[in-house]
Amino acid sequence: MPKIIKTTTGQADFIVKEEYPSENQAIEGKDPTASEAEISDLKIENVKYKLKEVLKNE
């Protein structure tokens, strides 16, 4: 059975919460001790399907 490649494009609104041990590290945005992401809105704009070509060794 041939393989199918599905490509979905769209837009997302999200909120990322990160916890840092100090204000300086938070300003730099490096090495958070905890991180959480929440998607608040997801809009799918286009979905495409394409047949993946399979090459056989002969």
Protein backbone atom coordinates (compact mmCIF):
# COMPACT_ATOMS: atom_id res chain seq x y z
CA MET A 1 0.00 0.00 0.00
CA PRO A 2 1.46 3.40 -0.92
CA LYS A 3 2.33 5.90 1.81
CA ILE A 4 0.54 9.24 2.01
CA ILE A 5 2.04 12.51 3.26
CA LYS A 6 -0.49 14.83 4.92
CA THR A 7 0.48 18.50 5.30
CA THR A 8 -1.70 20.75 7.47
CA THR A 9 -1.16 24.51 7.64
CA GLY A 10 -2.87 27.01 9.87
CA GLN A 11 -2.53 29.49 12.70
CA ALA A 12 -2.43 29.12 16.46
CA ASP A 13 -2.80 31.50 19.39
CA PHE A 14 -0.89 30.30 22.41
CA ILE A 15 0.26 31.26 25.89
CA VAL A 16 3.65 30.16 27.23
CA LYS A 17 4.33 30.41 30.98
CA GLU A 18 7.92 29.95 32.15
CA GLU A 19 9.36 29.99 35.66
CA TYR A 20 12.88 31.31 36.31
CA PRO A 21 14.98 31.37 39.48
CA SER A 22 15.87 35.06 39.03
CA GLU A 23 14.75 38.20 37.21
CA ASN A 24 17.99 38.38 35.20
CA GLN A 25 17.51 34.87 33.82
CA ALA A 26 13.90 35.72 32.95
CA ILE A 27 15.02 38.80 31.04
CA GLU A 28 17.61 36.73 29.14
CA GLY A 29 15.06 33.96 28.58
CA LYS A 30 17.56 31.21 29.29
CA ASP A 31 17.19 27.97 31.27
CA PRO A 32 13.67 28.09 32.72
CA THR A 33 13.05 25.75 35.66
CA ALA A 34 9.46 25.08 34.49
CA SER A 35 7.60 25.70 31.26
CA GLU A 36 3.95 25.31 30.26
CA ALA A 37 2.28 25.99 26.90
CA GLU A 38 -1.46 26.33 26.26
CA ILE A 39 -3.09 26.63 22.84
CA SER A 40 -6.02 29.03 23.11
CA ASP A 41 -7.14 29.00 19.47
CA LEU A 42 -6.27 26.78 16.51
CA LYS A 43 -7.38 27.53 12.96
CA ILE A 44 -6.66 25.00 10.21
CA GLU A 45 -6.47 26.77 6.87
CA ASN A 46 -5.39 24.07 4.42
CA VAL A 47 -4.88 20.31 4.31
CA LYS A 48 -3.01 18.65 1.44
CA TYR A 49 -2.47 14.98 0.72
CA LYS A 50 0.38 13.74 -1.48
CA LEU A 51 1.37 10.24 -2.54
CA LYS A 52 4.87 9.42 -1.32
CA GLU A 53 7.01 7.90 -4.03
CA VAL A 54 8.58 4.64 -2.97
CA LEU A 55 11.73 3.57 -4.84
CA LYS A 56 12.45 -0.13 -4.94
CA ASN A 57 15.93 -1.57 -5.35
CA GLU A 58 15.94 -3.71 -8.46
